[in-house]
Amino acid sequence: QVHLVESGGGLVQAGGSLRLSCAAPGRTFSTYAMGWFRQAPGQVRDFVAAISGSASSTNYATSVKGRFTISRDNAGNTVYLQMNSLKPEDTAVYYCAASSFRSLPAGTGAQYYNYWGQGTQVTVSS
């Protein structure tokens, strides 16, 4: 069982930045690829970014590429999502997720992740 706790959400103006954190206590953190997803009201949960267990590989949704950066600190059991140049359409609840494998999942669907955090709200005002 992997317990994930997100933090760092909030209200920001368009063009601003936020950094989300996801803590995952446990000595096996580096064995999990990690991902960030988001879900706006009435929408499906969408892939945002993913990072392999060693941090050697990353993947981004087209809509956030060049604006968001995923990273991880395996010694601190934390994964981050740095979000820059935020837009109102980035408004959503953001979830971190852990895969059961070290390498990046074969796809970007939520079904590739086994453990989920409770989510943190990000609101971008225009």
N, C-alpha and C. Protein backbone atom coordinates (compact mmCIF):
# COMPACT_ATOMS: atom_id res chain seq x y z
N GLN A 1 0.85 -1.20 0.00
CA GLN A 1 0.00 0.00 0.00
C GLN A 1 0.88 1.24 0.00
N VAL A 2 0.53 2.21 -0.84
CA VAL A 2 1.27 3.46 -0.94
C VAL A 2 0.32 4.59 -0.59
N HIS A 3 0.70 5.37 0.40
CA HIS A 3 -0.13 6.50 0.84
C HIS A 3 0.45 7.77 0.25
N LEU A 4 -0.36 8.52 -0.50
CA LEU A 4 0.09 9.72 -1.18
C LEU A 4 -0.64 10.93 -0.64
N VAL A 5 0.09 12.01 -0.39
CA VAL A 5 -0.51 13.23 0.14
C VAL A 5 -0.04 14.42 -0.68
N GLU A 6 -0.98 15.06 -1.39
CA GLU A 6 -0.65 16.23 -2.20
C GLU A 6 -0.75 17.50 -1.37
N SER A 7 -0.01 18.51 -1.80
CA SER A 7 -0.11 19.84 -1.20
C SER A 7 0.36 20.86 -2.23
N GLY A 8 0.08 22.14 -1.95
CA GLY A 8 0.58 23.20 -2.80
C GLY A 8 -0.43 23.84 -3.71
N GLY A 9 -1.65 23.33 -3.72
CA GLY A 9 -2.66 23.95 -4.56
C GLY A 9 -3.09 25.30 -4.01
N GLY A 10 -3.88 26.02 -4.79
CA GLY A 10 -4.36 27.32 -4.35
C GLY A 10 -4.93 28.12 -5.50
N LEU A 11 -5.11 29.41 -5.23
CA LEU A 11 -5.65 30.35 -6.21
C LEU A 11 -4.52 31.22 -6.74
N VAL A 12 -4.43 31.33 -8.05
CA VAL A 12 -3.38 32.13 -8.67
C VAL A 12 -3.93 32.82 -9.90
N GLN A 13 -3.38 33.96 -10.24
CA GLN A 13 -3.81 34.67 -11.43
C GLN A 13 -3.17 34.04 -12.67
N ALA A 14 -3.83 34.22 -13.77
CA ALA A 14 -3.30 33.73 -15.04
C ALA A 14 -1.89 34.29 -15.27
N GLY A 15 -1.01 33.43 -15.71
CA GLY A 15 0.38 33.82 -15.90
C GLY A 15 1.27 33.51 -14.71
N GLY A 16 0.64 33.18 -13.59
CA GLY A 16 1.39 32.90 -12.38
C GLY A 16 1.89 31.46 -12.32
N SER A 17 2.48 31.13 -11.17
CA SER A 17 3.09 29.82 -10.97
C SER A 17 2.65 29.20 -9.65
N LEU A 18 2.65 27.89 -9.63
CA LEU A 18 2.44 27.12 -8.41
C LEU A 18 3.32 25.89 -8.48
N ARG A 19 3.69 25.38 -7.30
CA ARG A 19 4.40 24.11 -7.25
C ARG A 19 3.62 23.15 -6.36
N LEU A 20 3.23 22.05 -6.95
CA LEU A 20 2.54 21.00 -6.20
C LEU A 20 3.56 19.99 -5.69
N SER A 21 3.29 19.45 -4.53
CA SER A 21 4.12 18.41 -3.95
C SER A 21 3.26 17.20 -3.64
N CYS A 22 3.89 16.04 -3.68
CA CYS A 22 3.20 14.80 -3.34
C CYS A 22 4.17 13.96 -2.51
N ALA A 23 3.84 13.80 -1.25
CA ALA A 23 4.69 13.02 -0.36
C ALA A 23 4.20 11.58 -0.33
N ALA A 24 5.17 10.68 -0.35
CA ALA A 24 4.86 9.25 -0.37
C ALA A 24 5.80 8.53 0.59
N PRO A 25 5.49 8.53 1.87
CA PRO A 25 6.37 7.89 2.85
C PRO A 25 6.58 6.42 2.53
N GLY A 26 7.80 5.97 2.70
CA GLY A 26 8.08 4.56 2.43
C GLY A 26 9.44 4.39 1.81
N ARG A 27 10.10 3.31 2.14
CA ARG A 27 11.47 3.11 1.67
C ARG A 27 11.55 2.67 0.23
N THR A 28 10.43 2.34 -0.41
CA THR A 28 10.46 1.85 -1.79
C THR A 28 10.02 2.91 -2.79
N PHE A 29 10.05 4.18 -2.42
CA PHE A 29 9.53 5.24 -3.28
C PHE A 29 10.17 5.23 -4.65
N SER A 30 11.48 4.99 -4.74
CA SER A 30 12.18 5.06 -6.02
C SER A 30 11.79 3.93 -6.97
N THR A 31 11.05 2.94 -6.50
CA THR A 31 10.63 1.84 -7.36
C THR A 31 9.33 2.13 -8.09
N TYR A 32 8.71 3.27 -7.79
CA TYR A 32 7.44 3.62 -8.42
C TYR A 32 7.60 4.75 -9.42
N ALA A 33 7.13 4.54 -10.64
CA ALA A 33 6.92 5.68 -11.52
C ALA A 33 5.76 6.49 -10.95
N MET A 34 5.83 7.80 -11.08
CA MET A 34 4.80 8.67 -10.50
C MET A 34 4.17 9.52 -11.60
N GLY A 35 2.93 9.85 -11.39
CA GLY A 35 2.24 10.68 -12.37
C GLY A 35 1.38 11.74 -11.71
N TRP A 36 1.06 12.76 -12.47
CA TRP A 36 0.09 13.78 -12.07
C TRP A 36 -1.06 13.76 -13.06
N PHE A 37 -2.26 13.83 -12.53
CA PHE A 37 -3.47 13.92 -13.32
C PHE A 37 -4.28 15.11 -12.83
N ARG A 38 -5.25 15.52 -13.61
CA ARG A 38 -6.14 16.58 -13.16
C ARG A 38 -7.55 16.32 -13.65
N GLN A 39 -8.51 16.85 -12.88
CA GLN A 39 -9.91 16.65 -13.22
C GLN A 39 -10.68 17.93 -12.96
N ALA A 40 -11.22 18.50 -14.03
CA ALA A 40 -12.07 19.68 -13.92
C ALA A 40 -13.51 19.22 -13.69
N PRO A 41 -14.37 20.08 -13.15
CA PRO A 41 -15.76 19.70 -12.90
C PRO A 41 -16.44 19.21 -14.17
N GLY A 42 -17.08 18.05 -14.06
CA GLY A 42 -17.80 17.49 -15.19
C GLY A 42 -16.92 16.88 -16.27
N GLN A 43 -15.63 16.81 -16.01
CA GLN A 43 -14.70 16.27 -17.00
C GLN A 43 -14.07 14.97 -16.51
N VAL A 44 -13.46 14.24 -17.42
CA VAL A 44 -12.75 13.03 -17.04
C VAL A 44 -11.40 13.42 -16.45
N ARG A 45 -10.80 12.47 -15.75
CA ARG A 45 -9.48 12.70 -15.18
C ARG A 45 -8.44 12.57 -16.29
N ASP A 46 -7.68 13.64 -16.50
CA ASP A 46 -6.72 13.70 -17.60
C ASP A 46 -5.28 13.59 -17.12
N PHE A 47 -4.47 12.95 -17.92
CA PHE A 47 -3.04 12.85 -17.67
C PHE A 47 -2.39 14.22 -17.82
N VAL A 48 -1.44 14.52 -16.92
CA VAL A 48 -0.68 15.76 -17.00
C VAL A 48 0.80 15.47 -17.25
N ALA A 49 1.41 14.64 -16.40
CA ALA A 49 2.84 14.37 -16.52
C ALA A 49 3.18 13.10 -15.76
N ALA A 50 4.31 12.50 -16.12
CA ALA A 50 4.78 11.30 -15.43
C ALA A 50 6.30 11.31 -15.39
N ILE A 51 6.84 10.58 -14.41
CA ILE A 51 8.29 10.50 -14.26
C ILE A 51 8.63 9.09 -13.79
N SER A 52 9.69 8.53 -14.34
CA SER A 52 10.10 7.19 -13.96
C SER A 52 10.71 7.19 -12.56
N GLY A 53 10.90 6.00 -12.02
CA GLY A 53 11.42 5.86 -10.66
C GLY A 53 12.79 6.49 -10.47
N SER A 54 13.62 6.40 -11.48
CA SER A 54 14.97 6.97 -11.40
C SER A 54 15.03 8.42 -11.84
N ALA A 55 13.90 8.95 -12.32
CA ALA A 55 13.81 10.31 -12.85
C ALA A 55 14.52 10.47 -14.20
N SER A 56 14.89 9.39 -14.83
CA SER A 56 15.59 9.47 -16.11
C SER A 56 14.65 9.73 -17.28
N SER A 57 13.37 9.46 -17.08
CA SER A 57 12.39 9.64 -18.17
C SER A 57 11.19 10.41 -17.66
N THR A 58 10.69 11.29 -18.50
CA THR A 58 9.47 12.04 -18.20
C THR A 58 8.56 12.06 -19.41
N ASN A 59 7.31 12.37 -19.17
CA ASN A 59 6.33 12.46 -20.24
C ASN A 59 5.32 13.53 -19.85
N TYR A 60 4.85 14.29 -20.85
CA TYR A 60 3.93 15.39 -20.57
C TYR A 60 2.76 15.37 -21.54
N ALA A 61 1.63 15.82 -21.06
CA ALA A 61 0.51 16.08 -21.95
C ALA A 61 0.88 17.26 -22.85
N THR A 62 0.37 17.24 -24.06
CA THR A 62 0.68 18.31 -25.00
C THR A 62 0.27 19.68 -24.45
N SER A 63 -0.83 19.71 -23.74
CA SER A 63 -1.38 20.98 -23.26
C SER A 63 -0.51 21.66 -22.20
N VAL A 64 0.40 20.91 -21.58
CA VAL A 64 1.23 21.50 -20.52
C VAL A 64 2.72 21.50 -20.87
N LYS A 65 3.08 20.88 -21.98
CA LYS A 65 4.49 20.79 -22.35
C LYS A 65 5.08 22.18 -22.51
N GLY A 66 6.23 22.39 -21.89
CA GLY A 66 6.89 23.68 -21.95
C GLY A 66 6.49 24.63 -20.83
N ARG A 67 5.41 24.28 -20.12
CA ARG A 67 4.95 25.14 -19.00
C ARG A 67 5.09 24.43 -17.66
N PHE A 68 4.88 23.11 -17.65
CA PHE A 68 4.94 22.34 -16.41
C PHE A 68 6.20 21.48 -16.42
N THR A 69 6.73 21.23 -15.21
CA THR A 69 7.89 20.36 -15.06
C THR A 69 7.66 19.41 -13.89
N ILE A 70 7.79 18.12 -14.17
CA ILE A 70 7.69 17.12 -13.12
C ILE A 70 9.09 16.74 -12.68
N SER A 71 9.26 16.56 -11.38
CA SER A 71 10.55 16.15 -10.83
C SER A 71 10.30 15.34 -9.58
N ARG A 72 11.35 14.71 -9.07
CA ARG A 72 11.19 13.92 -7.86
C ARG A 72 12.47 13.95 -7.04
N ASP A 73 12.29 13.82 -5.76
CA ASP A 73 13.38 13.72 -4.80
C ASP A 73 13.22 12.38 -4.10
N ASN A 74 13.95 11.38 -4.55
CA ASN A 74 13.76 10.04 -3.99
C ASN A 74 14.24 9.95 -2.55
N ALA A 75 15.23 10.73 -2.20
CA ALA A 75 15.69 10.72 -0.81
C ALA A 75 14.62 11.29 0.11
N GLY A 76 13.85 12.24 -0.40
CA GLY A 76 12.79 12.85 0.39
C GLY A 76 11.42 12.27 0.13
N ASN A 77 11.35 11.24 -0.72
CA ASN A 77 10.07 10.56 -1.02
C ASN A 77 9.00 11.55 -1.49
N THR A 78 9.39 12.46 -2.38
CA THR A 78 8.45 13.48 -2.83
C THR A 78 8.55 13.67 -4.35
N VAL A 79 7.42 13.86 -4.98
CA VAL A 79 7.37 14.22 -6.39
C VAL A 79 6.75 15.60 -6.49
N TYR A 80 7.23 16.38 -7.45
CA TYR A 80 6.79 17.76 -7.59
C TYR A 80 6.21 18.00 -8.99
N LEU A 81 5.35 19.00 -9.05
CA LEU A 81 4.88 19.49 -10.34
C LEU A 81 4.99 21.01 -10.31
N GLN A 82 5.99 21.54 -11.00
CA GLN A 82 6.15 22.99 -11.12
C GLN A 82 5.31 23.46 -12.29
N MET A 83 4.39 24.38 -12.01
CA MET A 83 3.45 24.85 -13.03
C MET A 83 3.68 26.34 -13.25
N ASN A 84 4.11 26.69 -14.44
CA ASN A 84 4.36 28.08 -14.81
C ASN A 84 3.40 28.51 -15.91
N SER A 85 3.30 29.81 -16.11
CA SER A 85 2.43 30.37 -17.16
C SER A 85 1.04 29.77 -17.09
N LEU A 86 0.49 29.74 -15.91
CA LEU A 86 -0.81 29.09 -15.71
C LEU A 86 -1.91 29.81 -16.46
N LYS A 87 -2.87 29.02 -16.93
CA LYS A 87 -4.01 29.53 -17.68
C LYS A 87 -5.30 29.14 -16.96
N PRO A 88 -6.38 29.88 -17.18
CA PRO A 88 -7.65 29.51 -16.55
C PRO A 88 -8.06 28.06 -16.85
N GLU A 89 -7.72 27.56 -18.01
CA GLU A 89 -8.09 26.18 -18.35
C GLU A 89 -7.27 25.14 -17.59
N ASP A 90 -6.28 25.57 -16.82
CA ASP A 90 -5.54 24.65 -15.95
C ASP A 90 -6.28 24.42 -14.64
N THR A 91 -7.36 25.14 -14.41
CA THR A 91 -8.14 24.98 -13.19
C THR A 91 -8.70 23.57 -13.09
N ALA A 92 -8.40 22.90 -11.97
CA ALA A 92 -8.84 21.51 -11.78
C ALA A 92 -8.38 21.05 -10.40
N VAL A 93 -8.86 19.88 -10.01
CA VAL A 93 -8.26 19.17 -8.88
C VAL A 93 -7.12 18.33 -9.44
N TYR A 94 -5.96 18.48 -8.85
CA TYR A 94 -4.77 17.76 -9.30
C TYR A 94 -4.50 16.60 -8.36
N TYR A 95 -4.25 15.44 -8.97
CA TYR A 95 -4.00 14.21 -8.22
C TYR A 95 -2.62 13.67 -8.57
N CYS A 96 -1.89 13.20 -7.57
CA CYS A 96 -0.70 12.43 -7.89
C CYS A 96 -1.04 10.95 -7.78
N ALA A 97 -0.27 10.15 -8.50
CA ALA A 97 -0.54 8.73 -8.58
C ALA A 97 0.77 7.96 -8.69
N ALA A 98 0.76 6.75 -8.17
CA ALA A 98 1.94 5.88 -8.21
C ALA A 98 1.64 4.63 -9.01
N SER A 99 2.57 4.30 -9.89
CA SER A 99 2.49 3.04 -10.63
C SER A 99 3.17 1.95 -9.82
N SER A 100 2.95 0.71 -10.21
CA SER A 100 3.62 -0.39 -9.52
C SER A 100 4.96 -0.74 -10.14
N PHE A 101 5.37 0.05 -11.14
CA PHE A 101 6.60 -0.25 -11.84
C PHE A 101 7.53 0.96 -11.85
N ARG A 102 8.80 0.71 -11.99
CA ARG A 102 9.82 1.75 -11.96
C ARG A 102 9.84 2.57 -13.25
N SER A 103 9.65 1.95 -14.39
CA SER A 103 9.73 2.66 -15.66
C SER A 103 8.40 3.35 -15.98
N LEU A 104 8.45 4.30 -16.90
CA LEU A 104 7.23 4.99 -17.29
C LEU A 104 6.20 4.00 -17.80
N PRO A 105 4.95 4.18 -17.44
CA PRO A 105 3.90 3.31 -17.98
C PRO A 105 3.85 3.37 -19.51
N ALA A 106 3.29 2.32 -20.10
CA ALA A 106 3.21 2.24 -21.55
C ALA A 106 2.26 3.28 -22.13
N GLY A 107 1.32 3.74 -21.33
CA GLY A 107 0.37 4.74 -21.79
C GLY A 107 0.15 5.81 -20.75
N THR A 108 -0.78 6.71 -21.03
CA THR A 108 -1.05 7.82 -20.13
C THR A 108 -2.39 7.70 -19.41
N GLY A 109 -3.02 6.56 -19.52
CA GLY A 109 -4.31 6.39 -18.87
C GLY A 109 -4.19 6.16 -17.38
N ALA A 110 -5.26 6.50 -16.68
CA ALA A 110 -5.28 6.33 -15.23
C ALA A 110 -5.16 4.85 -14.83
N GLN A 111 -5.49 3.95 -15.74
CA GLN A 111 -5.45 2.53 -15.39
C GLN A 111 -4.03 2.02 -15.17
N TYR A 112 -3.03 2.78 -15.54
CA TYR A 112 -1.66 2.35 -15.34
C TYR A 112 -1.15 2.67 -13.93
N TYR A 113 -1.97 3.32 -13.13
CA TYR A 113 -1.56 3.73 -11.79
C TYR A 113 -2.43 3.05 -10.76
N ASN A 114 -1.80 2.63 -9.68
CA ASN A 114 -2.50 1.81 -8.69
C ASN A 114 -2.86 2.58 -7.42
N TYR A 115 -2.16 3.65 -7.13
CA TYR A 115 -2.36 4.37 -5.88
C TYR A 115 -2.56 5.84 -6.19
N TRP A 116 -3.48 6.47 -5.45
CA TRP A 116 -3.87 7.85 -5.72
C TRP A 116 -3.92 8.66 -4.44
N GLY A 117 -3.57 9.94 -4.58
CA GLY A 117 -3.75 10.87 -3.49
C GLY A 117 -5.18 11.39 -3.44
N GLN A 118 -5.43 12.27 -2.50
CA GLN A 118 -6.78 12.80 -2.29
C GLN A 118 -7.07 14.00 -3.19
N GLY A 119 -6.04 14.57 -3.80
CA GLY A 119 -6.22 15.69 -4.70
C GLY A 119 -6.02 17.03 -4.02
N THR A 120 -5.60 18.01 -4.81
CA THR A 120 -5.44 19.39 -4.33
C THR A 120 -5.99 20.33 -5.40
N GLN A 121 -6.75 21.32 -4.97
CA GLN A 121 -7.43 22.21 -5.91
C GLN A 121 -6.47 23.28 -6.42
N VAL A 122 -6.46 23.47 -7.72
CA VAL A 122 -5.74 24.58 -8.35
C VAL A 122 -6.77 25.41 -9.11
N THR A 123 -6.82 26.70 -8.80
CA THR A 123 -7.74 27.61 -9.46
C THR A 123 -6.95 28.76 -10.06
N VAL A 124 -7.12 28.97 -11.35
CA VAL A 124 -6.42 30.04 -12.06
C VAL A 124 -7.46 31.05 -12.51
N SER A 125 -7.33 32.26 -12.01
CA SER A 125 -8.30 33.31 -12.36
C SER A 125 -7.79 34.10 -13.57
N SER A 126 -8.73 34.59 -14.36
CA SER A 126 -8.37 35.34 -15.58
C SER A 126 -8.22 36.82 -15.30
